[in-house]
């Protein structure tokens, strides 16, 4: 991950995406790589698997041990992970409202900086 945008921003998006799908049905590594690829993210297994392991160590995911060596380890969201996802959804909604596309009307919204009147 040499791209600073990836390191600073997209890593968080991937984690949210993982929590979302782990809540829906559980995820396993190869499926998650394909899902993220479908959304335009290009992760290597060397990036994803340590990320899943970190999320499990933090208590956000729980991994099921495969019954056979060929079976995939499935990650499901934990109650702590569900609480994190709930907080993130609230923050994302607020952020989307704040920075999302604006209608093309003039004079709406607050101005970050107001100009001082100029004297003639």
PDB file of N, CA and C in Angstrom:
ATOM      1  N   UNK A   1       0.836  -1.184   0.000  1.00  0.00           N
ATOM      2  CA  UNK A   1       0.000   0.000   0.000  1.00  0.00           C
ATOM      3  C   UNK A   1       0.874   1.239   0.000  1.00  0.00           C
ATOM      4  N   UNK A   2       1.302   1.616  -1.148  1.00  0.00           N
ATOM      5  CA  UNK A   2       2.163   2.798  -1.248  1.00  0.00           C
ATOM      6  C   UNK A   2       1.368   4.071  -1.487  1.00  0.00           C
ATOM      7  N   UNK A   3       0.174   3.930  -2.015  1.00  0.00           N
ATOM      8  CA  UNK A   3      -0.669   5.089  -2.300  1.00  0.00           C
ATOM      9  C   UNK A   3      -1.184   5.659  -0.982  1.00  0.00           C
ATOM     10  N   UNK A   4      -0.887   6.926  -0.677  1.00  0.00           N
ATOM     11  CA  UNK A   4      -1.336   7.497   0.599  1.00  0.00           C
ATOM     12  C   UNK A   4      -2.854   7.576   0.722  1.00  0.00           C
ATOM     13  N   UNK A   5      -3.576   7.691  -0.383  1.00  0.00           N
ATOM     14  CA  UNK A   5      -5.042   7.698  -0.313  1.00  0.00           C
ATOM     15  C   UNK A   5      -5.539   6.357   0.209  1.00  0.00           C
ATOM     16  N   UNK A   6      -4.942   5.288  -0.288  1.00  0.00           N
ATOM     17  CA  UNK A   6      -5.316   3.954   0.169  1.00  0.00           C
ATOM     18  C   UNK A   6      -5.053   3.834   1.659  1.00  0.00           C
ATOM     19  N   UNK A   7      -3.866   4.174   2.080  1.00  0.00           N
ATOM     20  CA  UNK A   7      -3.474   4.025   3.482  1.00  0.00           C
ATOM     21  C   UNK A   7      -4.338   4.896   4.398  1.00  0.00           C
ATOM     22  N   UNK A   8      -4.582   6.124   4.001  1.00  0.00           N
ATOM     23  CA  UNK A   8      -5.265   7.076   4.874  1.00  0.00           C
ATOM     24  C   UNK A   8      -6.788   6.957   4.841  1.00  0.00           C
ATOM     25  N   UNK A   9      -7.380   6.560   3.729  1.00  0.00           N
ATOM     26  CA  UNK A   9      -8.828   6.586   3.616  1.00  0.00           C
ATOM     27  C   UNK A   9      -9.453   5.230   3.290  1.00  0.00           C
ATOM     28  N   UNK A  10      -8.992   4.574   2.245  1.00  0.00           N
ATOM     29  CA  UNK A  10      -9.669   3.377   1.778  1.00  0.00           C
ATOM     30  C   UNK A  10      -9.601   2.214   2.757  1.00  0.00           C
ATOM     31  N   UNK A  11      -8.566   2.137   3.541  1.00  0.00           N
ATOM     32  CA  UNK A  11      -8.456   1.067   4.531  1.00  0.00           C
ATOM     33  C   UNK A  11      -9.670   1.083   5.463  1.00  0.00           C
ATOM     34  N   UNK A  12     -10.105   2.254   5.855  1.00  0.00           N
ATOM     35  CA  UNK A  12     -11.300   2.376   6.689  1.00  0.00           C
ATOM     36  C   UNK A  12     -12.552   1.918   5.955  1.00  0.00           C
ATOM     37  N   UNK A  13     -12.660   2.253   4.668  1.00  0.00           N
ATOM     38  CA  UNK A  13     -13.809   1.811   3.884  1.00  0.00           C
ATOM     39  C   UNK A  13     -13.858   0.285   3.817  1.00  0.00           C
ATOM     40  N   UNK A  14     -12.700  -0.330   3.623  1.00  0.00           N
ATOM     41  CA  UNK A  14     -12.655  -1.796   3.543  1.00  0.00           C
ATOM     42  C   UNK A  14     -13.140  -2.411   4.840  1.00  0.00           C
ATOM     43  N   UNK A  15     -12.728  -1.861   5.956  1.00  0.00           N
ATOM     44  CA  UNK A  15     -13.141  -2.399   7.258  1.00  0.00           C
ATOM     45  C   UNK A  15     -14.650  -2.292   7.439  1.00  0.00           C
ATOM     46  N   UNK A  16     -15.217  -1.159   7.036  1.00  0.00           N
ATOM     47  CA  UNK A  16     -16.665  -0.985   7.143  1.00  0.00           C
ATOM     48  C   UNK A  16     -17.370  -1.999   6.248  1.00  0.00           C
ATOM     49  N   UNK A  17     -16.853  -2.171   5.058  1.00  0.00           N
ATOM     50  CA  UNK A  17     -17.426  -3.132   4.113  1.00  0.00           C
ATOM     51  C   UNK A  17     -17.384  -4.542   4.700  1.00  0.00           C
ATOM     52  N   UNK A  18     -16.273  -4.906   5.300  1.00  0.00           N
ATOM     53  CA  UNK A  18     -16.130  -6.228   5.921  1.00  0.00           C
ATOM     54  C   UNK A  18     -17.142  -6.397   7.041  1.00  0.00           C
ATOM     55  N   UNK A  19     -17.255  -5.410   7.928  1.00  0.00           N
ATOM     56  CA  UNK A  19     -18.221  -5.508   9.026  1.00  0.00           C
ATOM     57  C   UNK A  19     -19.642  -5.646   8.493  1.00  0.00           C
ATOM     58  N   UNK A  20     -19.956  -4.880   7.471  1.00  0.00           N
ATOM     59  CA  UNK A  20     -21.301  -4.941   6.877  1.00  0.00           C
ATOM     60  C   UNK A  20     -21.628  -6.356   6.413  1.00  0.00           C
ATOM     61  N   UNK A  21     -20.739  -6.955   5.639  1.00  0.00           N
ATOM     62  CA  UNK A  21     -21.008  -8.294   5.117  1.00  0.00           C
ATOM     63  C   UNK A  21     -20.896  -9.370   6.195  1.00  0.00           C
ATOM     64  N   UNK A  22     -20.045  -9.153   7.167  1.00  0.00           N
ATOM     65  CA  UNK A  22     -19.941 -10.119   8.272  1.00  0.00           C
ATOM     66  C   UNK A  22     -21.236 -10.119   9.077  1.00  0.00           C
ATOM     67  N   UNK A  23     -21.912  -8.986   9.109  1.00  0.00           N
ATOM     68  CA  UNK A  23     -23.202  -8.904   9.793  1.00  0.00           C
ATOM     69  C   UNK A  23     -24.283  -9.603   8.973  1.00  0.00           C
ATOM     70  N   UNK A  24     -24.247  -9.432   7.663  1.00  0.00           N
ATOM     71  CA  UNK A  24     -25.273 -10.013   6.802  1.00  0.00           C
ATOM     72  C   UNK A  24     -25.220 -11.535   6.752  1.00  0.00           C
ATOM     73  N   UNK A  25     -24.037 -12.080   6.490  1.00  0.00           N
ATOM     74  CA  UNK A  25     -23.959 -13.522   6.262  1.00  0.00           C
ATOM     75  C   UNK A  25     -22.650 -14.146   6.705  1.00  0.00           C
ATOM     76  N   UNK A  26     -21.712 -13.358   7.131  1.00  0.00           N
ATOM     77  CA  UNK A  26     -20.383 -13.895   7.404  1.00  0.00           C
ATOM     78  C   UNK A  26     -19.567 -13.828   6.125  1.00  0.00           C
ATOM     79  N   UNK A  27     -18.270 -13.745   6.260  1.00  0.00           N
ATOM     80  CA  UNK A  27     -17.405 -13.625   5.091  1.00  0.00           C
ATOM     81  C   UNK A  27     -16.224 -14.580   5.224  1.00  0.00           C
ATOM     82  N   UNK A  28     -15.663 -14.929   4.111  1.00  0.00           N
ATOM     83  CA  UNK A  28     -14.382 -15.628   4.104  1.00  0.00           C
ATOM     84  C   UNK A  28     -13.476 -14.890   3.127  1.00  0.00           C
ATOM     85  N   UNK A  29     -12.196 -15.085   3.291  1.00  0.00           N
ATOM     86  CA  UNK A  29     -11.210 -14.267   2.613  1.00  0.00           C
ATOM     87  C   UNK A  29     -11.365 -14.149   1.116  1.00  0.00           C
ATOM     88  N   UNK A  30     -11.435 -15.265   0.405  1.00  0.00           N
ATOM     89  CA  UNK A  30     -11.501 -15.203  -1.052  1.00  0.00           C
ATOM     90  C   UNK A  30     -12.761 -14.484  -1.518  1.00  0.00           C
ATOM     91  N   UNK A  31     -13.891 -14.765  -0.871  1.00  0.00           N
ATOM     92  CA  UNK A  31     -15.132 -14.079  -1.245  1.00  0.00           C
ATOM     93  C   UNK A  31     -14.999 -12.574  -1.015  1.00  0.00           C
ATOM     94  N   UNK A  32     -14.390 -12.193   0.102  1.00  0.00           N
ATOM     95  CA  UNK A  32     -14.247 -10.773   0.419  1.00  0.00           C
ATOM     96  C   UNK A  32     -13.323 -10.094  -0.580  1.00  0.00           C
ATOM     97  N   UNK A  33     -12.254 -10.767  -0.998  1.00  0.00           N
ATOM     98  CA  UNK A  33     -11.378 -10.211  -2.033  1.00  0.00           C
ATOM     99  C   UNK A  33     -12.172  -9.950  -3.317  1.00  0.00           C
ATOM    100  N   UNK A  34     -13.017 -10.910  -3.703  1.00  0.00           N
ATOM    101  CA  UNK A  34     -13.817 -10.756  -4.908  1.00  0.00           C
ATOM    102  C   UNK A  34     -14.860  -9.648  -4.742  1.00  0.00           C
ATOM    103  N   UNK A  35     -15.479  -9.560  -3.589  1.00  0.00           N
ATOM    104  CA  UNK A  35     -16.475  -8.525  -3.323  1.00  0.00           C
ATOM    105  C   UNK A  35     -15.844  -7.136  -3.395  1.00  0.00           C
ATOM    106  N   UNK A  36     -14.713  -6.964  -2.759  1.00  0.00           N
ATOM    107  CA  UNK A  36     -14.037  -5.669  -2.797  1.00  0.00           C
ATOM    108  C   UNK A  36     -13.555  -5.350  -4.213  1.00  0.00           C
ATOM    109  N   UNK A  37     -13.102  -6.366  -4.923  1.00  0.00           N
ATOM    110  CA  UNK A  37     -12.684  -6.181  -6.322  1.00  0.00           C
ATOM    111  C   UNK A  37     -13.874  -5.696  -7.163  1.00  0.00           C
ATOM    112  N   UNK A  38     -15.051  -6.272  -6.913  1.00  0.00           N
ATOM    113  CA  UNK A  38     -16.275  -5.877  -7.614  1.00  0.00           C
ATOM    114  C   UNK A  38     -16.552  -4.379  -7.431  1.00  0.00           C
ATOM    115  N   UNK A  39     -16.150  -3.830  -6.294  1.00  0.00           N
ATOM    116  CA  UNK A  39     -16.357  -2.411  -6.012  1.00  0.00           C
ATOM    117  C   UNK A  39     -15.157  -1.547  -6.419  1.00  0.00           C
ATOM    118  N   UNK A  40     -14.196  -2.153  -7.101  1.00  0.00           N
ATOM    119  CA  UNK A  40     -13.074  -1.390  -7.618  1.00  0.00           C
ATOM    120  C   UNK A  40     -11.846  -1.359  -6.729  1.00  0.00           C
ATOM    121  N   UNK A  41     -11.877  -2.088  -5.620  1.00  0.00           N
ATOM    122  CA  UNK A  41     -10.727  -2.128  -4.718  1.00  0.00           C
ATOM    123  C   UNK A  41      -9.862  -3.324  -5.083  1.00  0.00           C
ATOM    124  N   UNK A  42      -8.569  -3.102  -5.171  1.00  0.00           N
ATOM    125  CA  UNK A  42      -7.638  -4.170  -5.530  1.00  0.00           C
ATOM    126  C   UNK A  42      -6.777  -4.503  -4.317  1.00  0.00           C
ATOM    127  N   UNK A  43      -7.194  -5.482  -3.560  1.00  0.00           N
ATOM    128  CA  UNK A  43      -6.441  -5.916  -2.387  1.00  0.00           C
ATOM    129  C   UNK A  43      -5.760  -7.233  -2.690  1.00  0.00           C
ATOM    130  N   UNK A  44      -4.644  -7.440  -2.060  1.00  0.00           N
ATOM    131  CA  UNK A  44      -3.979  -8.740  -2.151  1.00  0.00           C
ATOM    132  C   UNK A  44      -4.362  -9.538  -0.906  1.00  0.00           C
ATOM    133  N   UNK A  45      -4.241 -10.849  -0.977  1.00  0.00           N
ATOM    134  CA  UNK A  45      -4.476 -11.648   0.223  1.00  0.00           C
ATOM    135  C   UNK A  45      -3.560 -11.214   1.377  1.00  0.00           C
ATOM    136  N   UNK A  46      -2.352 -10.757   1.044  1.00  0.00           N
ATOM    137  CA  UNK A  46      -1.410 -10.303   2.066  1.00  0.00           C
ATOM    138  C   UNK A  46      -1.856  -9.034   2.778  1.00  0.00           C
ATOM    139  N   UNK A  47      -2.810  -8.323   2.204  1.00  0.00           N
ATOM    140  CA  UNK A  47      -3.401  -7.150   2.861  1.00  0.00           C
ATOM    141  C   UNK A  47      -4.669  -7.548   3.609  1.00  0.00           C
ATOM    142  N   UNK A  48      -5.512  -8.348   2.963  1.00  0.00           N
ATOM    143  CA  UNK A  48      -6.808  -8.675   3.553  1.00  0.00           C
ATOM    144  C   UNK A  48      -6.710  -9.581   4.776  1.00  0.00           C
ATOM    145  N   UNK A  49      -5.938 -10.663   4.684  1.00  0.00           N
ATOM    146  CA  UNK A  49      -5.943 -11.630   5.789  1.00  0.00           C
ATOM    147  C   UNK A  49      -5.406 -11.044   7.101  1.00  0.00           C
ATOM    148  N   UNK A  50      -4.346 -10.257   7.079  1.00  0.00           N
ATOM    149  CA  UNK A  50      -3.938  -9.601   8.330  1.00  0.00           C
ATOM    150  C   UNK A  50      -4.999  -8.619   8.845  1.00  0.00           C
ATOM    151  N   UNK A  51      -5.716  -7.975   7.931  1.00  0.00           N
ATOM    152  CA  UNK A  51      -6.786  -7.064   8.322  1.00  0.00           C
ATOM    153  C   UNK A  51      -7.905  -7.826   9.035  1.00  0.00           C
ATOM    154  N   UNK A  52      -8.313  -8.959   8.486  1.00  0.00           N
ATOM    155  CA  UNK A  52      -9.332  -9.790   9.137  1.00  0.00           C
ATOM    156  C   UNK A  52      -8.850 -10.260  10.510  1.00  0.00           C
ATOM    157  N   UNK A  53      -7.598 -10.663  10.584  1.00  0.00           N
ATOM    158  CA  UNK A  53      -7.050 -11.132  11.862  1.00  0.00           C
ATOM    159  C   UNK A  53      -7.029 -10.006  12.897  1.00  0.00           C
ATOM    160  N   UNK A  54      -6.652  -8.793  12.486  1.00  0.00           N
ATOM    161  CA  UNK A  54      -6.655  -7.641  13.409  1.00  0.00           C
ATOM    162  C   UNK A  54      -8.055  -7.333  13.899  1.00  0.00           C
ATOM    163  N   UNK A  55      -9.020  -7.395  12.994  1.00  0.00           N
ATOM    164  CA  UNK A  55     -10.397  -7.110  13.376  1.00  0.00           C
ATOM    165  C   UNK A  55     -10.907  -8.177  14.351  1.00  0.00           C
ATOM    166  N   UNK A  56     -10.473  -9.403  14.168  1.00  0.00           N
ATOM    167  CA  UNK A  56     -10.845 -10.472  15.106  1.00  0.00           C
ATOM    168  C   UNK A  56     -10.161 -10.256  16.461  1.00  0.00           C
ATOM    169  N   UNK A  57      -8.887  -9.860  16.462  1.00  0.00           N
ATOM    170  CA  UNK A  57      -8.184  -9.589  17.733  1.00  0.00           C
ATOM    171  C   UNK A  57      -8.841  -8.454  18.501  1.00  0.00           C
ATOM    172  N   UNK A  58      -9.374  -7.486  17.792  1.00  0.00           N
ATOM    173  CA  UNK A  58     -10.061  -6.361  18.441  1.00  0.00           C
ATOM    174  C   UNK A  58     -11.441  -6.761  18.961  1.00  0.00           C
ATOM    175  N   UNK A  59     -11.888  -7.950  18.597  1.00  0.00           N
ATOM    176  CA  UNK A  59     -13.180  -8.430  19.073  1.00  0.00           C
ATOM    177  C   UNK A  59     -14.352  -8.039  18.195  1.00  0.00           C
ATOM    178  N   UNK A  60     -14.097  -7.546  16.985  1.00  0.00           N
ATOM    179  CA  UNK A  60     -15.167  -7.123  16.089  1.00  0.00           C
ATOM    180  C   UNK A  60     -15.683  -8.268  15.229  1.00  0.00           C
ATOM    181  N   UNK A  61     -14.827  -9.258  14.992  1.00  0.00           N
ATOM    182  CA  UNK A  61     -15.179 -10.444  14.213  1.00  0.00           C
ATOM    183  C   UNK A  61     -14.815 -11.681  15.012  1.00  0.00           C
ATOM    184  N   UNK A  62     -15.536 -12.759  14.723  1.00  0.00           N
ATOM    185  CA  UNK A  62     -15.188 -14.057  15.304  1.00  0.00           C
ATOM    186  C   UNK A  62     -15.026 -15.019  14.142  1.00  0.00           C
ATOM    187  N   UNK A  63     -13.925 -15.720  14.132  1.00  0.00           N
ATOM    188  CA  UNK A  63     -13.639 -16.668  13.052  1.00  0.00           C
ATOM    189  C   UNK A  63     -14.041 -18.071  13.478  1.00  0.00           C
ATOM    190  N   UNK A  64     -14.690 -18.789  12.575  1.00  0.00           N
ATOM    191  CA  UNK A  64     -14.989 -20.197  12.825  1.00  0.00           C
ATOM    192  C   UNK A  64     -13.852 -21.017  12.234  1.00  0.00           C
ATOM    193  N   UNK A  65     -13.401 -21.967  12.972  1.00  0.00           N
ATOM    194  CA  UNK A  65     -12.338 -22.839  12.478  1.00  0.00           C
ATOM    195  C   UNK A  65     -12.924 -23.825  11.477  1.00  0.00           C
ATOM    196  N   UNK A  66     -12.272 -23.990  10.341  1.00  0.00           N
ATOM    197  CA  UNK A  66     -12.792 -24.919   9.335  1.00  0.00           C
ATOM    198  C   UNK A  66     -12.758 -26.362   9.849  1.00  0.00           C
ATOM    199  N   UNK A  67     -13.776 -27.126   9.467  1.00  0.00           N
ATOM    200  CA  UNK A  67     -13.842 -28.544   9.869  1.00  0.00           C
ATOM    201  C   UNK A  67     -12.839 -29.386   9.085  1.00  0.00           C
ATOM    202  N   UNK A  68     -12.641 -29.019   7.822  1.00  0.00           N
ATOM    203  CA  UNK A  68     -11.660 -29.706   6.980  1.00  0.00           C
ATOM    204  C   UNK A  68     -10.637 -28.689   6.513  1.00  0.00           C
ATOM    205  N   UNK A  69      -9.473 -29.137   6.159  1.00  0.00           N
ATOM    206  CA  UNK A  69      -8.402 -28.220   5.769  1.00  0.00           C
ATOM    207  C   UNK A  69      -8.758 -27.418   4.517  1.00  0.00           C
ATOM    208  N   UNK A  70      -9.637 -27.950   3.674  1.00  0.00           N
ATOM    209  CA  UNK A  70     -10.036 -27.251   2.458  1.00  0.00           C
ATOM    210  C   UNK A  70     -11.104 -26.186   2.695  1.00  0.00           C
ATOM    211  N   UNK A  71     -11.787 -26.267   3.807  1.00  0.00           N
ATOM    212  CA  UNK A  71     -12.868 -25.321   4.089  1.00  0.00           C
ATOM    213  C   UNK A  71     -12.306 -23.953   4.464  1.00  0.00           C
ATOM    214  N   UNK A  72     -13.097 -22.939   4.194  1.00  0.00           N
ATOM    215  CA  UNK A  72     -12.692 -21.567   4.489  1.00  0.00           C
ATOM    216  C   UNK A  72     -12.999 -21.218   5.938  1.00  0.00           C
ATOM    217  N   UNK A  73     -12.189 -20.365   6.498  1.00  0.00           N
ATOM    218  CA  UNK A  73     -12.459 -19.785   7.814  1.00  0.00           C
ATOM    219  C   UNK A  73     -13.478 -18.671   7.598  1.00  0.00           C
ATOM    220  N   UNK A  74     -14.614 -18.770   8.263  1.00  0.00           N
ATOM    221  CA  UNK A  74     -15.685 -17.784   8.093  1.00  0.00           C
ATOM    222  C   UNK A  74     -15.637 -16.807   9.261  1.00  0.00           C
ATOM    223  N   UNK A  75     -15.719 -15.531   8.923  1.00  0.00           N
ATOM    224  CA  UNK A  75     -15.721 -14.468   9.921  1.00  0.00           C
ATOM    225  C   UNK A  75     -17.133 -13.910  10.038  1.00  0.00           C
ATOM    226  N   UNK A  76     -17.620 -13.843  11.266  1.00  0.00           N
ATOM    227  CA  UNK A  76     -18.932 -13.269  11.544  1.00  0.00           C
ATOM    228  C   UNK A  76     -18.760 -12.116  12.522  1.00  0.00           C
ATOM    229  N   UNK A  77     -19.681 -11.187  12.447  1.00  0.00           N
ATOM    230  CA  UNK A  77     -19.617 -10.021  13.327  1.00  0.00           C
ATOM    231  C   UNK A  77     -19.945 -10.439  14.765  1.00  0.00           C
ATOM    232  N   UNK A  78     -19.315  -9.813  15.713  1.00  0.00           N
ATOM    233  CA  UNK A  78     -19.587 -10.027  17.138  1.00  0.00           C
ATOM    234  C   UNK A  78     -20.492  -8.900  17.626  1.00  0.00           C
ATOM    235  N   UNK A  79     -21.020  -9.006  18.835  1.00  0.00           N
ATOM    236  CA  UNK A  79     -21.788  -7.870  19.381  1.00  0.00           C
ATOM    237  C   UNK A  79     -20.955  -6.584  19.431  1.00  0.00           C
ATOM    238  N   UNK A  80     -19.691  -6.688  19.762  1.00  0.00           N
ATOM    239  CA  UNK A  80     -18.825  -5.493  19.773  1.00  0.00           C
ATOM    240  C   UNK A  80     -18.669  -4.939  18.359  1.00  0.00           C
ATOM    241  N   UNK A  81     -18.521  -5.811  17.378  1.00  0.00           N
ATOM    242  CA  UNK A  81     -18.413  -5.380  15.992  1.00  0.00           C
ATOM    243  C   UNK A  81     -19.704  -4.744  15.504  1.00  0.00           C
ATOM    244  N   UNK A  82     -20.846  -5.283  15.942  1.00  0.00           N
ATOM    245  CA  UNK A  82     -22.143  -4.708  15.561  1.00  0.00           C
ATOM    246  C   UNK A  82     -22.287  -3.300  16.133  1.00  0.00           C
ATOM    247  N   UNK A  83     -21.778  -3.089  17.342  1.00  0.00           N
ATOM    248  CA  UNK A  83     -21.830  -1.755  17.943  1.00  0.00           C
ATOM    249  C   UNK A  83     -20.927  -0.789  17.173  1.00  0.00           C
ATOM    250  N   UNK A  84     -19.746  -1.254  16.784  1.00  0.00           N
ATOM    251  CA  UNK A  84     -18.845  -0.429  15.973  1.00  0.00           C
ATOM    252  C   UNK A  84     -19.520  -0.069  14.656  1.00  0.00           C
ATOM    253  N   UNK A  85     -20.131  -1.056  14.003  1.00  0.00           N
ATOM    254  CA  UNK A  85     -20.796  -0.815  12.721  1.00  0.00           C
ATOM    255  C   UNK A  85     -21.940   0.179  12.881  1.00  0.00           C
ATOM    256  N   UNK A  86     -22.684   0.068  13.950  1.00  0.00           N
ATOM    257  CA  UNK A  86     -23.776   1.018  14.217  1.00  0.00           C
ATOM    258  C   UNK A  86     -23.226   2.441  14.341  1.00  0.00           C
ATOM    259  N   UNK A  87     -22.149   2.606  15.091  1.00  0.00           N
ATOM    260  CA  UNK A  87     -21.521   3.923  15.233  1.00  0.00           C
ATOM    261  C   UNK A  87     -21.019   4.447  13.895  1.00  0.00           C
ATOM    262  N   UNK A  88     -20.420   3.566  13.111  1.00  0.00           N
ATOM    263  CA  UNK A  88     -19.889   3.972  11.808  1.00  0.00           C
ATOM    264  C   UNK A  88     -21.001   4.376  10.851  1.00  0.00           C
ATOM    265  N   UNK A  89     -22.111   3.658  10.886  1.00  0.00           N
ATOM    266  CA  UNK A  89     -23.237   4.017  10.019  1.00  0.00           C
ATOM    267  C   UNK A  89     -23.766   5.407  10.368  1.00  0.00           C
ATOM    268  N   UNK A  90     -23.840   5.706  11.649  1.00  0.00           N
ATOM    269  CA  UNK A  90     -24.283   7.033  12.074  1.00  0.00           C
ATOM    270  C   UNK A  90     -23.311   8.093  11.578  1.00  0.00           C
ATOM    271  N   UNK A  91     -22.031   7.843  11.756  1.00  0.00           N
ATOM    272  CA  UNK A  91     -21.009   8.796  11.300  1.00  0.00           C
ATOM    273  C   UNK A  91     -21.020   8.944   9.785  1.00  0.00           C
ATOM    274  N   UNK A  92     -21.203   7.840   9.075  1.00  0.00           N
ATOM    275  CA  UNK A  92     -21.247   7.898   7.611  1.00  0.00           C
ATOM    276  C   UNK A  92     -22.447   8.700   7.119  1.00  0.00           C
ATOM    277  N   UNK A  93     -23.592   8.521   7.760  1.00  0.00           N
ATOM    278  CA  UNK A  93     -24.786   9.271   7.361  1.00  0.00           C
ATOM    279  C   UNK A  93     -24.556  10.769   7.565  1.00  0.00           C
ATOM    280  N   UNK A  94     -23.963  11.117   8.687  1.00  0.00           N
ATOM    281  CA  UNK A  94     -23.672  12.522   8.963  1.00  0.00           C
ATOM    282  C   UNK A  94     -22.673  13.074   7.951  1.00  0.00           C
ATOM    283  N   UNK A  95     -21.634  12.300   7.670  1.00  0.00           N
ATOM    284  CA  UNK A  95     -20.625  12.730   6.713  1.00  0.00           C
ATOM    285  C   UNK A  95     -21.229  12.876   5.317  1.00  0.00           C
ATOM    286  N   UNK A  96     -22.050  11.910   4.912  1.00  0.00           N
ATOM    287  CA  UNK A  96     -22.695  11.976   3.598  1.00  0.00           C
ATOM    288  C   UNK A  96     -23.553  13.229   3.503  1.00  0.00           C
ATOM    289  N   UNK A  97     -24.269  13.537   4.555  1.00  0.00           N
ATOM    290  CA  UNK A  97     -25.095  14.749   4.560  1.00  0.00           C
ATOM    291  C   UNK A  97     -24.220  16.000   4.426  1.00  0.00           C
ATOM    292  N   UNK A  98     -23.085  15.983   5.074  1.00  0.00           N
ATOM    293  CA  UNK A  98     -22.205  17.160   5.092  1.00  0.00           C
ATOM    294  C   UNK A  98     -21.442  17.343   3.779  1.00  0.00           C
ATOM    295  N   UNK A  99     -20.894  16.280   3.226  1.00  0.00           N
ATOM    296  CA  UNK A  99     -20.004  16.424   2.071  1.00  0.00           C
ATOM    297  C   UNK A  99     -20.582  15.870   0.776  1.00  0.00           C
ATOM    298  N   UNK A 100     -21.768  15.289   0.839  1.00  0.00           N
ATOM    299  CA  UNK A 100     -22.365  14.699  -0.347  1.00  0.00           C
ATOM    300  C   UNK A 100     -22.700  15.741  -1.396  1.00  0.00           C
ATOM    301  N   UNK A 101     -23.138  15.298  -2.556  1.00  0.00           N
ATOM    302  CA  UNK A 101     -23.482  16.221  -3.640  1.00  0.00           C
ATOM    303  C   UNK A 101     -24.513  17.250  -3.178  1.00  0.00           C
ATOM    304  N   UNK A 102     -24.328  18.450  -3.622  1.00  0.00           N
ATOM    305  CA  UNK A 102     -25.211  19.567  -3.272  1.00  0.00           C
ATOM    306  C   UNK A 102     -26.104  19.910  -4.451  1.00  0.00           C
ATOM    307  N   UNK A 103     -27.317  20.356  -4.170  1.00  0.00           N
ATOM    308  CA  UNK A 103     -28.153  20.859  -5.264  1.00  0.00           C
ATOM    309  C   UNK A 103     -27.485  22.077  -5.901  1.00  0.00           C
ATOM    310  N   UNK A 104     -27.800  22.335  -7.130  1.00  0.00           N
ATOM    311  CA  UNK A 104     -27.149  23.420  -7.870  1.00  0.00           C
ATOM    312  C   UNK A 104     -27.799  24.775  -7.606  1.00  0.00           C
ATOM    313  N   UNK A 105     -28.351  24.976  -6.423  1.00  0.00           N
ATOM    314  CA  UNK A 105     -28.958  26.274  -6.137  1.00  0.00           C
ATOM    315  C   UNK A 105     -27.951  27.185  -5.451  1.00  0.00           C
ATOM    316  N   UNK A 106     -28.153  28.476  -5.593  1.00  0.00           N
ATOM    317  CA  UNK A 106     -27.242  29.455  -4.997  1.00  0.00           C
ATOM    318  C   UNK A 106     -27.729  29.847  -3.615  1.00  0.00           C
ATOM    319  N   UNK A 107     -26.775  30.271  -2.813  1.00  0.00           N
ATOM    320  CA  UNK A 107     -27.104  30.860  -1.533  1.00  0.00           C
ATOM    321  C   UNK A 107     -27.513  29.881  -0.455  1.00  0.00           C
ATOM    322  N   UNK A 108     -27.377  28.607  -0.700  1.00  0.00           N
ATOM    323  CA  UNK A 108     -27.742  27.615   0.314  1.00  0.00           C
ATOM    324  C   UNK A 108     -26.548  27.277   1.176  1.00  0.00           C
ATOM    325  N   UNK A 109     -26.811  26.912   2.367  1.00  0.00           N
ATOM    326  CA  UNK A 109     -25.768  26.420   3.259  1.00  0.00           C
ATOM    327  C   UNK A 109     -24.980  27.528   3.917  1.00  0.00           C
ATOM    328  N   UNK A 110     -24.149  27.116   4.843  1.00  0.00           N
ATOM    329  CA  UNK A 110     -23.302  28.065   5.561  1.00  0.00           C
ATOM    330  C   UNK A 110     -22.041  28.313   4.775  1.00  0.00           C
ATOM    331  N   UNK A 111     -21.477  29.443   4.988  1.00  0.00           N
ATOM    332  CA  UNK A 111     -20.195  29.755   4.375  1.00  0.00           C
ATOM    333  C   UNK A 111     -19.122  29.550   5.423  1.00  0.00           C
ATOM    334  N   UNK A 112     -18.059  28.914   5.011  1.00  0.00           N
ATOM    335  CA  UNK A 112     -16.964  28.651   5.943  1.00  0.00           C
ATOM    336  C   UNK A 112     -16.249  29.931   6.325  1.00  0.00           C
ATOM    337  N   UNK A 113     -16.113  30.830   5.382  1.00  0.00           N
ATOM    338  CA  UNK A 113     -15.400  32.081   5.623  1.00  0.00           C
ATOM    339  C   UNK A 113     -16.264  33.199   5.068  1.00  0.00           C
ATOM    340  N   UNK A 114     -16.505  34.201   5.866  1.00  0.00           N
ATOM    341  CA  UNK A 114     -17.264  35.333   5.335  1.00  0.00           C
ATOM    342  C   UNK A 114     -16.290  36.450   4.964  1.00  0.00           C
ATOM    343  N   UNK A 115     -16.613  37.133   3.883  1.00  0.00           N
ATOM    344  CA  UNK A 115     -15.764  38.214   3.421  1.00  0.00           C
ATOM    345  C   UNK A 115     -16.086  39.475   4.202  1.00  0.00           C
ATOM    346  N   UNK A 116     -15.058  40.240   4.495  1.00  0.00           N
ATOM    347  CA  UNK A 116     -15.269  41.533   5.121  1.00  0.00           C
ATOM    348  C   UNK A 116     -15.696  42.509   4.049  1.00  0.00           C
ATOM    349  N   UNK A 117     -16.578  43.436   4.423  1.00  0.00           N
ATOM    350  CA  UNK A 117     -16.973  44.426   3.421  1.00  0.00           C
ATOM    351  C   UNK A 117     -15.777  45.241   3.001  1.00  0.00           C
ATOM    352  N   UNK A 118     -15.725  45.549   1.723  1.00  0.00           N
ATOM    353  CA  UNK A 118     -14.629  46.386   1.229  1.00  0.00           C
ATOM    354  C   UNK A 118     -15.044  47.835   1.268  1.00  0.00           C
ATOM    355  N   UNK A 119     -14.132  48.698   1.607  1.00  0.00           N
ATOM    356  CA  UNK A 119     -14.458  50.114   1.606  1.00  0.00           C
ATOM    357  C   UNK A 119     -13.919  50.746   0.341  1.00  0.00           C
ATOM    358  N   UNK A 120     -14.659  51.699  -0.194  1.00  0.00           N
ATOM    359  CA  UNK A 120     -14.277  52.338  -1.450  1.00  0.00           C
ATOM    360  C   UNK A 120     -13.443  53.544  -1.219  1.00  0.00           C
TER     361      UNK A 120
END
